[in-house]
């Protein structure tokens, strides 16, 4: 009986440590995924005259093709599109789209709200300070991207990894940020 009590006490002490370590490992895996997305976009830019991958492209069969499928020749792995901490990856209905946890900045990849319209890297004042991808939250049937608006960034998973979430920037680097650090549209979301 005493041995069983000791085992239960030790397991109660170890479980929170194990859970925290698992959460950190998921966050590291997620930021690695986002770095791969940044590299894939840079490779896409090299092939398409410095143009950022559009959020959507027209397609004769599927109606639309989402950015995640457009980047597949550069990623070769749809598993990189899902954060291990995201229980409900999004998939855009009515389009050729893989389940994904990340959304593209629509200010860069859907200029003026038009399909197949994106900026070139040369049009962006600060590529190292402009967000390209963020982690998505909310309704799992939408979305493919995020646009900063007056109501804030309700589609961004601001607390997926502790007190913040991961972001990829136009220059290809990825980092973890607290929500208040991303609420500066002129500095981070607008080109």
N, C-alpha and C. Protein backbone atom coordinates (compact mmCIF):
# COMPACT_ATOMS: atom_id res chain seq x y z
N UNK A 1 0.82 -1.18 0.00
CA UNK A 1 0.00 0.00 0.00
C UNK A 1 0.87 1.26 0.00
N UNK A 2 1.93 1.24 0.80
CA UNK A 2 2.85 2.39 0.86
C UNK A 2 3.55 2.56 -0.47
N UNK A 3 3.97 1.47 -1.09
CA UNK A 3 4.65 1.55 -2.38
C UNK A 3 3.71 2.15 -3.43
N UNK A 4 2.47 1.75 -3.42
CA UNK A 4 1.49 2.29 -4.36
C UNK A 4 1.28 3.79 -4.13
N UNK A 5 1.23 4.21 -2.88
CA UNK A 5 1.07 5.63 -2.56
C UNK A 5 2.27 6.43 -3.05
N UNK A 6 3.46 5.89 -2.91
CA UNK A 6 4.67 6.57 -3.38
C UNK A 6 4.65 6.70 -4.90
N UNK A 7 4.26 5.63 -5.57
CA UNK A 7 4.19 5.66 -7.04
C UNK A 7 3.17 6.71 -7.51
N UNK A 8 2.01 6.76 -6.88
CA UNK A 8 0.99 7.75 -7.24
C UNK A 8 1.48 9.17 -6.98
N UNK A 9 2.16 9.37 -5.88
CA UNK A 9 2.70 10.70 -5.54
C UNK A 9 3.75 11.13 -6.57
N UNK A 10 4.65 10.23 -6.92
CA UNK A 10 5.68 10.55 -7.92
C UNK A 10 5.08 10.83 -9.30
N UNK A 11 4.09 10.04 -9.67
CA UNK A 11 3.46 10.27 -10.98
C UNK A 11 2.71 11.60 -10.99
N UNK A 12 2.11 11.99 -9.88
CA UNK A 12 1.42 13.28 -9.80
C UNK A 12 2.41 14.44 -9.92
N UNK A 13 3.62 14.25 -9.46
CA UNK A 13 4.65 15.29 -9.55
C UNK A 13 5.26 15.34 -10.95
N UNK A 14 5.39 14.20 -11.59
CA UNK A 14 6.06 14.13 -12.89
C UNK A 14 5.13 14.51 -14.04
N UNK A 15 3.83 14.24 -13.93
CA UNK A 15 2.90 14.48 -15.04
C UNK A 15 2.91 15.93 -15.53
N UNK A 16 2.84 16.95 -14.67
CA UNK A 16 2.88 18.34 -15.17
C UNK A 16 4.18 18.68 -15.90
N UNK A 17 5.30 18.12 -15.43
CA UNK A 17 6.58 18.35 -16.09
C UNK A 17 6.56 17.72 -17.48
N UNK A 18 6.03 16.51 -17.58
CA UNK A 18 5.94 15.83 -18.87
C UNK A 18 5.03 16.59 -19.82
N UNK A 19 3.90 17.09 -19.31
CA UNK A 19 2.96 17.84 -20.14
C UNK A 19 3.59 19.14 -20.66
N UNK A 20 4.33 19.83 -19.83
CA UNK A 20 5.00 21.06 -20.24
C UNK A 20 6.06 20.77 -21.30
N UNK A 21 6.80 19.68 -21.13
CA UNK A 21 7.82 19.31 -22.11
C UNK A 21 7.19 18.95 -23.45
N UNK A 22 6.06 18.28 -23.43
CA UNK A 22 5.35 17.94 -24.65
C UNK A 22 4.87 19.20 -25.37
N UNK A 23 4.36 20.17 -24.62
CA UNK A 23 3.92 21.44 -25.20
C UNK A 23 5.07 22.19 -25.85
N UNK A 24 6.24 22.20 -25.21
CA UNK A 24 7.42 22.86 -25.80
C UNK A 24 7.86 22.14 -27.07
N UNK A 25 7.80 20.82 -27.08
CA UNK A 25 8.17 20.05 -28.27
C UNK A 25 7.22 20.34 -29.44
N UNK A 26 5.93 20.46 -29.16
CA UNK A 26 4.97 20.80 -30.20
C UNK A 26 5.23 22.19 -30.75
N UNK A 27 5.58 23.14 -29.88
CA UNK A 27 5.90 24.49 -30.32
C UNK A 27 7.14 24.53 -31.20
N UNK A 28 8.13 23.74 -30.87
CA UNK A 28 9.36 23.67 -31.68
C UNK A 28 9.07 23.04 -33.04
N UNK A 29 8.25 22.00 -33.06
CA UNK A 29 7.86 21.38 -34.32
C UNK A 29 7.08 22.36 -35.19
N UNK A 30 6.21 23.13 -34.58
CA UNK A 30 5.41 24.12 -35.31
C UNK A 30 6.30 25.20 -35.92
N UNK A 31 7.22 25.73 -35.16
CA UNK A 31 8.08 26.80 -35.70
C UNK A 31 8.97 26.25 -36.81
N UNK A 32 9.34 24.99 -36.71
CA UNK A 32 10.10 24.35 -37.79
C UNK A 32 9.24 24.27 -39.06
N UNK A 33 7.97 23.89 -38.90
CA UNK A 33 7.04 23.86 -40.05
C UNK A 33 6.96 25.24 -40.69
N UNK A 34 6.87 26.26 -39.86
CA UNK A 34 6.71 27.62 -40.38
C UNK A 34 7.99 28.11 -41.07
N UNK A 35 9.13 27.68 -40.60
CA UNK A 35 10.38 28.02 -41.30
C UNK A 35 10.41 27.36 -42.68
N UNK A 36 9.94 26.12 -42.75
CA UNK A 36 9.85 25.43 -44.04
C UNK A 36 8.91 26.18 -44.99
N UNK A 37 7.80 26.68 -44.47
CA UNK A 37 6.89 27.47 -45.30
C UNK A 37 7.59 28.72 -45.82
N UNK A 38 8.35 29.38 -44.96
CA UNK A 38 9.09 30.57 -45.39
C UNK A 38 10.10 30.25 -46.48
N UNK A 39 10.80 29.13 -46.34
CA UNK A 39 11.76 28.73 -47.37
C UNK A 39 11.05 28.37 -48.68
N UNK A 40 9.89 27.71 -48.57
CA UNK A 40 9.14 27.34 -49.77
C UNK A 40 8.68 28.58 -50.53
N UNK A 41 8.25 29.60 -49.81
CA UNK A 41 7.82 30.84 -50.46
C UNK A 41 9.01 31.51 -51.13
N UNK A 42 10.16 31.48 -50.50
CA UNK A 42 11.36 32.07 -51.13
C UNK A 42 11.71 31.33 -52.42
N UNK A 43 11.60 30.01 -52.42
CA UNK A 43 11.85 29.24 -53.64
C UNK A 43 10.81 29.57 -54.71
N UNK A 44 9.55 29.70 -54.29
CA UNK A 44 8.50 30.10 -55.22
C UNK A 44 8.82 31.47 -55.82
N UNK A 45 9.25 32.40 -55.00
CA UNK A 45 9.60 33.75 -55.46
C UNK A 45 10.74 33.69 -56.49
N UNK A 46 11.70 32.83 -56.26
CA UNK A 46 12.81 32.68 -57.22
C UNK A 46 12.31 32.22 -58.58
N UNK A 47 11.29 31.37 -58.60
CA UNK A 47 10.75 30.85 -59.85
C UNK A 47 9.75 31.79 -60.53
N UNK A 48 9.16 32.71 -59.77
CA UNK A 48 8.10 33.58 -60.31
C UNK A 48 8.43 35.06 -60.16
N UNK A 49 9.64 35.44 -60.53
CA UNK A 49 10.06 36.84 -60.59
C UNK A 49 9.80 37.60 -59.30
N UNK A 50 10.16 37.01 -58.18
CA UNK A 50 10.03 37.63 -56.84
C UNK A 50 8.59 37.83 -56.37
N UNK A 51 7.63 37.24 -57.04
CA UNK A 51 6.23 37.37 -56.64
C UNK A 51 5.92 36.38 -55.52
N UNK A 52 5.26 36.86 -54.46
CA UNK A 52 4.84 36.01 -53.34
C UNK A 52 3.72 35.10 -53.82
N UNK A 53 3.67 33.90 -53.27
CA UNK A 53 2.62 32.94 -53.66
C UNK A 53 1.25 33.56 -53.41
N UNK A 54 0.37 33.55 -54.41
CA UNK A 54 -0.98 34.09 -54.21
C UNK A 54 -1.78 33.23 -53.24
N UNK A 55 -2.70 33.85 -52.52
CA UNK A 55 -3.54 33.11 -51.58
C UNK A 55 -4.43 32.12 -52.31
N UNK A 56 -4.92 32.50 -53.49
CA UNK A 56 -5.79 31.64 -54.30
C UNK A 56 -5.44 31.81 -55.77
N UNK A 57 -5.55 30.71 -56.50
CA UNK A 57 -5.39 30.73 -57.96
C UNK A 57 -6.63 30.09 -58.58
N UNK A 58 -7.05 30.57 -59.74
CA UNK A 58 -8.17 29.91 -60.41
C UNK A 58 -7.75 28.54 -60.95
N UNK A 59 -8.71 27.62 -61.03
CA UNK A 59 -8.43 26.28 -61.53
C UNK A 59 -9.65 25.80 -62.31
N UNK A 60 -9.46 25.22 -63.50
CA UNK A 60 -10.61 24.82 -64.31
C UNK A 60 -11.46 23.70 -63.70
N UNK A 61 -10.86 22.82 -62.92
CA UNK A 61 -11.61 21.70 -62.36
C UNK A 61 -12.09 21.98 -60.94
N UNK A 62 -11.19 22.48 -60.09
CA UNK A 62 -11.49 22.67 -58.66
C UNK A 62 -12.02 24.06 -58.32
N UNK A 63 -12.18 24.92 -59.31
CA UNK A 63 -12.62 26.29 -59.11
C UNK A 63 -11.47 27.16 -58.56
N UNK A 64 -10.89 26.75 -57.42
CA UNK A 64 -9.80 27.53 -56.83
C UNK A 64 -8.74 26.58 -56.27
N UNK A 65 -7.51 27.08 -56.24
CA UNK A 65 -6.41 26.34 -55.63
C UNK A 65 -5.82 27.22 -54.54
N UNK A 66 -5.76 26.71 -53.33
CA UNK A 66 -5.25 27.44 -52.18
C UNK A 66 -3.72 27.50 -52.20
N UNK A 67 -3.15 28.47 -51.50
CA UNK A 67 -1.70 28.66 -51.45
C UNK A 67 -0.97 27.40 -50.98
N UNK A 68 -1.58 26.62 -50.09
CA UNK A 68 -0.89 25.44 -49.56
C UNK A 68 -0.62 24.40 -50.63
N UNK A 69 -1.53 24.27 -51.60
CA UNK A 69 -1.31 23.33 -52.70
C UNK A 69 -0.35 23.91 -53.75
N UNK A 70 -0.38 25.22 -53.92
CA UNK A 70 0.55 25.87 -54.85
C UNK A 70 1.99 25.68 -54.38
N UNK A 71 2.20 25.63 -53.06
CA UNK A 71 3.56 25.46 -52.51
C UNK A 71 4.01 24.00 -52.43
N UNK A 72 3.13 23.04 -52.70
CA UNK A 72 3.50 21.63 -52.54
C UNK A 72 4.73 21.20 -53.36
N UNK A 73 4.96 21.71 -54.57
CA UNK A 73 6.20 21.32 -55.26
C UNK A 73 7.47 21.72 -54.51
N UNK A 74 7.36 22.71 -53.63
CA UNK A 74 8.51 23.19 -52.86
C UNK A 74 8.56 22.56 -51.47
N UNK A 75 7.46 22.02 -50.99
CA UNK A 75 7.40 21.40 -49.68
C UNK A 75 7.46 19.87 -49.75
N UNK A 76 6.72 19.30 -50.70
CA UNK A 76 6.62 17.84 -50.87
C UNK A 76 6.14 17.12 -49.62
N UNK A 77 5.36 17.80 -48.78
CA UNK A 77 4.90 17.18 -47.55
C UNK A 77 3.74 17.99 -46.99
N UNK A 78 2.53 17.46 -47.06
CA UNK A 78 1.39 18.18 -46.51
C UNK A 78 1.39 18.18 -44.99
N UNK A 79 2.18 17.30 -44.37
CA UNK A 79 2.28 17.28 -42.91
C UNK A 79 2.89 18.55 -42.34
N UNK A 80 3.67 19.27 -43.15
CA UNK A 80 4.27 20.53 -42.70
C UNK A 80 3.24 21.64 -42.57
N UNK A 81 2.05 21.41 -43.04
CA UNK A 81 1.00 22.43 -43.01
C UNK A 81 0.18 22.40 -41.73
N UNK A 82 0.44 21.42 -40.85
CA UNK A 82 -0.37 21.26 -39.64
C UNK A 82 0.51 21.36 -38.40
N UNK A 83 0.10 22.25 -37.49
CA UNK A 83 0.76 22.38 -36.19
C UNK A 83 0.34 21.21 -35.31
N UNK A 84 1.28 20.57 -34.61
CA UNK A 84 0.91 19.44 -33.74
C UNK A 84 -0.05 19.83 -32.62
N UNK A 85 -0.11 21.11 -32.26
CA UNK A 85 -1.02 21.57 -31.21
C UNK A 85 -2.41 21.92 -31.73
N UNK A 86 -2.59 21.95 -33.03
CA UNK A 86 -3.87 22.33 -33.61
C UNK A 86 -4.75 21.09 -33.75
N UNK A 87 -5.80 21.04 -32.96
CA UNK A 87 -6.69 19.88 -32.98
C UNK A 87 -7.65 19.90 -34.17
N UNK A 88 -7.87 21.08 -34.76
CA UNK A 88 -8.84 21.20 -35.85
C UNK A 88 -8.25 21.98 -37.03
N UNK A 89 -7.39 21.35 -37.84
CA UNK A 89 -6.84 22.06 -39.00
C UNK A 89 -7.95 22.51 -39.95
N UNK A 90 -7.72 23.62 -40.63
CA UNK A 90 -8.70 24.18 -41.54
C UNK A 90 -8.56 23.61 -42.93
N UNK A 91 -9.66 23.57 -43.66
CA UNK A 91 -9.65 23.15 -45.06
C UNK A 91 -10.74 23.94 -45.77
N UNK A 92 -10.35 24.71 -46.74
CA UNK A 92 -11.27 25.59 -47.44
C UNK A 92 -12.21 24.77 -48.31
N UNK A 93 -13.52 24.85 -48.08
CA UNK A 93 -14.47 24.08 -48.90
C UNK A 93 -14.55 24.63 -50.32
N UNK A 94 -14.75 23.74 -51.28
CA UNK A 94 -14.91 24.15 -52.66
C UNK A 94 -13.63 24.53 -53.36
N UNK A 95 -12.51 24.14 -52.80
CA UNK A 95 -11.22 24.47 -53.41
C UNK A 95 -10.27 23.30 -53.25
N UNK A 96 -9.25 23.26 -54.09
CA UNK A 96 -8.18 22.28 -53.92
C UNK A 96 -7.31 22.81 -52.78
N UNK A 97 -7.41 22.15 -51.65
CA UNK A 97 -6.81 22.67 -50.42
C UNK A 97 -6.52 21.51 -49.48
N UNK A 98 -5.36 21.52 -48.86
CA UNK A 98 -5.02 20.51 -47.86
C UNK A 98 -5.38 21.05 -46.47
N UNK A 99 -5.62 20.17 -45.50
CA UNK A 99 -5.82 20.65 -44.13
C UNK A 99 -4.57 21.42 -43.68
N UNK A 100 -4.79 22.58 -43.09
CA UNK A 100 -3.64 23.39 -42.66
C UNK A 100 -3.97 24.17 -41.38
N UNK A 101 -2.92 24.49 -40.65
CA UNK A 101 -3.03 25.27 -39.41
C UNK A 101 -2.59 26.71 -39.60
N UNK A 102 -2.07 27.02 -40.76
CA UNK A 102 -1.44 28.32 -40.99
C UNK A 102 -2.21 29.10 -42.04
N UNK A 103 -2.20 30.42 -41.89
CA UNK A 103 -2.87 31.29 -42.85
C UNK A 103 -1.89 32.32 -43.38
N UNK A 104 -2.08 32.71 -44.62
CA UNK A 104 -1.20 33.68 -45.27
C UNK A 104 -1.75 35.09 -45.04
N UNK A 105 -0.87 36.06 -45.01
CA UNK A 105 -1.25 37.47 -44.86
C UNK A 105 -1.87 37.93 -46.17
N UNK A 106 -3.16 38.19 -46.17
CA UNK A 106 -3.89 38.54 -47.39
C UNK A 106 -3.52 39.92 -47.92
N UNK A 107 -2.92 40.76 -47.09
CA UNK A 107 -2.45 42.07 -47.56
C UNK A 107 -1.32 41.89 -48.58
N UNK A 108 -0.63 40.75 -48.52
CA UNK A 108 0.48 40.47 -49.43
C UNK A 108 0.08 39.52 -50.55
N UNK A 109 -0.85 38.61 -50.26
CA UNK A 109 -1.13 37.50 -51.18
C UNK A 109 -2.51 37.54 -51.83
N UNK A 110 -3.30 38.54 -51.53
CA UNK A 110 -4.61 38.70 -52.16
C UNK A 110 -4.88 40.21 -52.23
N UNK A 111 -4.04 40.90 -52.97
CA UNK A 111 -4.06 42.35 -53.01
C UNK A 111 -5.40 42.85 -53.54
N UNK A 112 -6.02 43.73 -52.79
CA UNK A 112 -7.31 44.28 -53.17
C UNK A 112 -8.44 43.28 -53.12
N UNK A 113 -8.21 42.10 -52.55
CA UNK A 113 -9.23 41.06 -52.49
C UNK A 113 -9.36 40.26 -53.77
N UNK A 114 -8.42 40.42 -54.69
CA UNK A 114 -8.50 39.73 -55.98
C UNK A 114 -7.71 38.43 -55.97
N UNK A 115 -8.33 37.39 -56.52
CA UNK A 115 -7.68 36.09 -56.65
C UNK A 115 -6.49 36.22 -57.60
N UNK A 116 -5.43 35.50 -57.33
CA UNK A 116 -4.22 35.44 -58.16
C UNK A 116 -3.47 36.76 -58.20
N UNK A 117 -3.67 37.60 -57.19
CA UNK A 117 -2.92 38.86 -57.13
C UNK A 117 -2.06 38.86 -55.88
N UNK A 118 -0.77 39.05 -56.06
CA UNK A 118 0.14 39.10 -54.92
C UNK A 118 1.24 40.10 -55.22
N UNK A 119 1.90 40.53 -54.17
CA UNK A 119 2.98 41.50 -54.29
C UNK A 119 4.30 40.82 -54.62
N UNK A 120 5.23 41.60 -55.11
CA UNK A 120 6.60 41.12 -55.22
C UNK A 120 7.34 41.50 -53.95
N UNK A 121 8.40 40.80 -53.66
CA UNK A 121 9.17 41.10 -52.45
C UNK A 121 9.72 42.52 -52.50
N UNK A 122 10.05 43.01 -53.69
CA UNK A 122 10.56 44.37 -53.82
C UNK A 122 9.57 45.44 -53.42
N UNK A 123 8.28 45.13 -53.42
CA UNK A 123 7.23 46.09 -53.02
C UNK A 123 7.10 46.20 -51.51
N UNK A 124 7.74 45.33 -50.78
CA UNK A 124 7.59 45.30 -49.32
C UNK A 124 8.74 46.06 -48.70
N UNK A 125 8.40 47.07 -47.91
CA UNK A 125 9.41 47.94 -47.31
C UNK A 125 10.38 47.21 -46.40
N UNK A 126 9.85 46.32 -45.54
CA UNK A 126 10.67 45.63 -44.56
C UNK A 126 10.32 44.14 -44.54
N UNK A 127 10.93 43.33 -45.43
CA UNK A 127 10.61 41.89 -45.47
C UNK A 127 10.86 41.17 -44.14
N UNK A 128 11.86 41.61 -43.39
CA UNK A 128 12.17 40.96 -42.11
C UNK A 128 11.19 41.37 -41.02
N UNK A 129 10.39 42.40 -41.25
CA UNK A 129 9.45 42.87 -40.25
C UNK A 129 8.00 42.78 -40.69
N UNK A 130 7.72 42.05 -41.77
CA UNK A 130 6.36 41.91 -42.27
C UNK A 130 5.94 40.44 -42.19
N UNK A 131 4.83 40.19 -41.51
CA UNK A 131 4.33 38.83 -41.32
C UNK A 131 3.79 38.28 -42.64
N UNK A 132 4.20 37.04 -42.95
CA UNK A 132 3.71 36.34 -44.13
C UNK A 132 2.71 35.25 -43.74
N UNK A 133 3.02 34.46 -42.70
CA UNK A 133 2.14 33.39 -42.22
C UNK A 133 1.91 33.53 -40.73
N UNK A 134 0.71 33.15 -40.29
CA UNK A 134 0.38 33.10 -38.87
C UNK A 134 -0.36 31.79 -38.60
N UNK A 135 -0.58 31.50 -37.35
CA UNK A 135 -1.35 30.32 -36.98
C UNK A 135 -2.83 30.70 -36.93
N UNK A 136 -3.68 29.86 -37.53
CA UNK A 136 -5.11 30.15 -37.62
C UNK A 136 -5.88 29.61 -36.43
N UNK A 137 -6.97 30.29 -36.12
CA UNK A 137 -7.90 29.86 -35.06
C UNK A 137 -9.31 30.02 -35.58
N UNK A 138 -10.26 29.58 -34.80
CA UNK A 138 -11.65 29.78 -35.15
C UNK A 138 -12.24 28.65 -35.94
N UNK A 139 -13.24 28.97 -36.73
CA UNK A 139 -14.00 28.00 -37.51
C UNK A 139 -13.08 27.18 -38.39
N UNK A 140 -13.15 25.89 -38.29
CA UNK A 140 -12.23 25.03 -39.03
C UNK A 140 -12.56 24.92 -40.50
N UNK A 141 -13.73 25.40 -40.94
CA UNK A 141 -14.06 25.35 -42.36
C UNK A 141 -13.48 26.53 -43.13
N UNK A 142 -12.97 27.49 -42.43
CA UNK A 142 -12.33 28.61 -43.08
C UNK A 142 -11.00 28.81 -42.35
N UNK A 143 -10.06 29.23 -42.82
CA UNK A 143 -9.86 30.14 -43.89
C UNK A 143 -8.50 29.86 -44.48
N UNK A 144 -8.13 30.58 -45.47
CA UNK A 144 -6.82 30.42 -46.07
C UNK A 144 -5.89 31.56 -45.71
N UNK A 145 -6.42 32.62 -45.11
CA UNK A 145 -5.57 33.75 -44.79
C UNK A 145 -6.20 34.70 -43.79
N UNK A 146 -5.44 35.75 -43.50
CA UNK A 146 -5.82 36.73 -42.49
C UNK A 146 -5.56 38.13 -43.05
N UNK A 147 -6.49 39.01 -42.81
CA UNK A 147 -6.31 40.42 -43.16
C UNK A 147 -6.54 41.22 -41.89
N UNK A 148 -5.63 42.14 -41.60
CA UNK A 148 -5.80 42.97 -40.41
C UNK A 148 -6.97 43.90 -40.64
N UNK A 149 -7.85 44.01 -39.66
CA UNK A 149 -9.01 44.90 -39.79
C UNK A 149 -9.28 45.58 -38.46
N UNK A 150 -10.30 46.42 -38.42
CA UNK A 150 -10.62 47.19 -37.22
C UNK A 150 -10.95 46.31 -36.02
N UNK A 151 -11.50 45.14 -36.27
CA UNK A 151 -11.88 44.26 -35.16
C UNK A 151 -10.70 43.44 -34.66
N UNK A 152 -9.54 43.62 -35.22
CA UNK A 152 -8.37 42.88 -34.78
C UNK A 152 -8.17 41.61 -35.58
N UNK A 153 -7.41 40.74 -35.04
CA UNK A 153 -7.03 39.53 -35.75
C UNK A 153 -7.72 38.33 -35.12
N UNK A 154 -9.04 38.26 -35.27
CA UNK A 154 -9.80 37.19 -34.63
C UNK A 154 -9.52 35.83 -35.22
N UNK A 155 -8.94 35.75 -36.40
CA UNK A 155 -8.63 34.45 -37.00
C UNK A 155 -7.26 33.92 -36.60
N UNK A 156 -6.50 34.69 -35.83
CA UNK A 156 -5.15 34.28 -35.44
C UNK A 156 -5.20 33.55 -34.11
N UNK A 157 -4.53 32.41 -34.03
CA UNK A 157 -4.42 31.65 -32.77
C UNK A 157 -3.36 32.32 -31.91
N UNK A 158 -3.77 33.26 -31.09
CA UNK A 158 -2.80 34.08 -30.37
C UNK A 158 -2.19 33.39 -29.15
N UNK A 159 -2.80 32.31 -28.68
CA UNK A 159 -2.28 31.61 -27.50
C UNK A 159 -2.10 30.11 -27.75
N UNK A 160 -1.71 29.73 -28.94
CA UNK A 160 -1.57 28.31 -29.23
C UNK A 160 -0.38 27.69 -28.51
N UNK A 161 0.69 28.45 -28.33
CA UNK A 161 1.89 27.93 -27.67
C UNK A 161 2.19 28.79 -26.45
N UNK A 162 1.52 28.47 -25.38
CA UNK A 162 1.70 29.24 -24.15
C UNK A 162 1.00 30.57 -24.26
N UNK A 163 1.74 31.64 -24.06
CA UNK A 163 1.16 32.99 -24.09
C UNK A 163 1.34 33.67 -25.45
N UNK A 164 1.60 32.89 -26.49
CA UNK A 164 1.78 33.46 -27.82
C UNK A 164 1.64 32.40 -28.89
N UNK A 165 2.05 32.75 -30.11
CA UNK A 165 2.04 31.79 -31.21
C UNK A 165 3.16 32.13 -32.19
N UNK A 166 3.30 31.30 -33.20
CA UNK A 166 4.42 31.43 -34.14
C UNK A 166 4.00 32.18 -35.40
N UNK A 167 4.96 32.88 -35.99
CA UNK A 167 4.74 33.66 -37.21
C UNK A 167 5.93 33.49 -38.13
N UNK A 168 5.67 33.50 -39.44
CA UNK A 168 6.74 33.49 -40.45
C UNK A 168 6.74 34.86 -41.11
N UNK A 169 7.92 35.38 -41.36
CA UNK A 169 8.07 36.69 -41.97
C UNK A 169 8.48 36.54 -43.43
N UNK A 170 8.32 37.61 -44.22
CA UNK A 170 8.55 37.56 -45.65
C UNK A 170 9.97 37.14 -45.99
N UNK A 171 10.94 37.51 -45.17
CA UNK A 171 12.33 37.13 -45.47
C UNK A 171 12.61 35.65 -45.19
N UNK A 172 11.63 34.92 -44.62
CA UNK A 172 11.78 33.49 -44.41
C UNK A 172 11.99 33.06 -42.97
N UNK A 173 12.32 33.99 -42.08
CA UNK A 173 12.53 33.58 -40.69
C UNK A 173 11.19 33.43 -39.97
N UNK A 174 11.18 32.64 -38.92
CA UNK A 174 9.97 32.41 -38.12
C UNK A 174 10.31 32.64 -36.66
N UNK A 175 9.33 33.16 -35.91
CA UNK A 175 9.55 33.34 -34.48
C UNK A 175 8.23 33.36 -33.73
N UNK A 176 8.34 33.15 -32.43
CA UNK A 176 7.22 33.15 -31.52
C UNK A 176 7.00 34.58 -31.04
N UNK A 177 5.73 35.02 -31.01
CA UNK A 177 5.41 36.37 -30.54
C UNK A 177 4.21 36.34 -29.62
N UNK A 178 4.18 37.26 -28.67
CA UNK A 178 3.00 37.48 -27.84
C UNK A 178 1.98 38.26 -28.67
N UNK A 179 0.69 38.15 -28.35
CA UNK A 179 -0.34 38.82 -29.15
C UNK A 179 -0.16 40.33 -29.24
N UNK A 180 0.23 40.97 -28.14
CA UNK A 180 0.36 42.42 -28.17
C UNK A 180 1.47 42.90 -29.10
N UNK A 181 2.42 42.04 -29.39
CA UNK A 181 3.50 42.40 -30.32
C UNK A 181 3.04 42.37 -31.77
N UNK A 182 1.90 41.73 -32.05
CA UNK A 182 1.41 41.63 -33.43
C UNK A 182 0.30 42.61 -33.73
N UNK A 183 -0.14 43.37 -32.76
CA UNK A 183 -1.25 44.29 -32.95
C UNK A 183 -0.79 45.67 -33.42
N UNK A 184 0.23 45.67 -34.24
CA UNK A 184 0.75 46.91 -34.81
C UNK A 184 0.69 46.76 -36.32
N UNK A 185 -0.48 47.02 -36.92
CA UNK A 185 -0.66 46.72 -38.35
C UNK A 185 0.34 47.42 -39.26
N UNK A 186 0.70 48.65 -38.93
CA UNK A 186 1.63 49.38 -39.80
C UNK A 186 3.01 48.75 -39.79
N UNK A 187 3.36 48.07 -38.70
CA UNK A 187 4.70 47.52 -38.57
C UNK A 187 4.79 46.06 -39.03
N UNK A 188 3.76 45.27 -38.82
CA UNK A 188 3.88 43.83 -39.06
C UNK A 188 2.99 43.28 -40.17
N UNK A 189 1.82 43.83 -40.39
CA UNK A 189 0.88 43.23 -41.33
C UNK A 189 0.83 43.93 -42.67
N UNK A 190 1.07 45.22 -42.70
CA UNK A 190 1.01 45.97 -43.96
C UNK A 190 2.37 46.01 -44.64
N UNK A 191 2.36 45.87 -45.97
CA UNK A 191 3.63 45.89 -46.70
C UNK A 191 4.22 47.28 -46.73
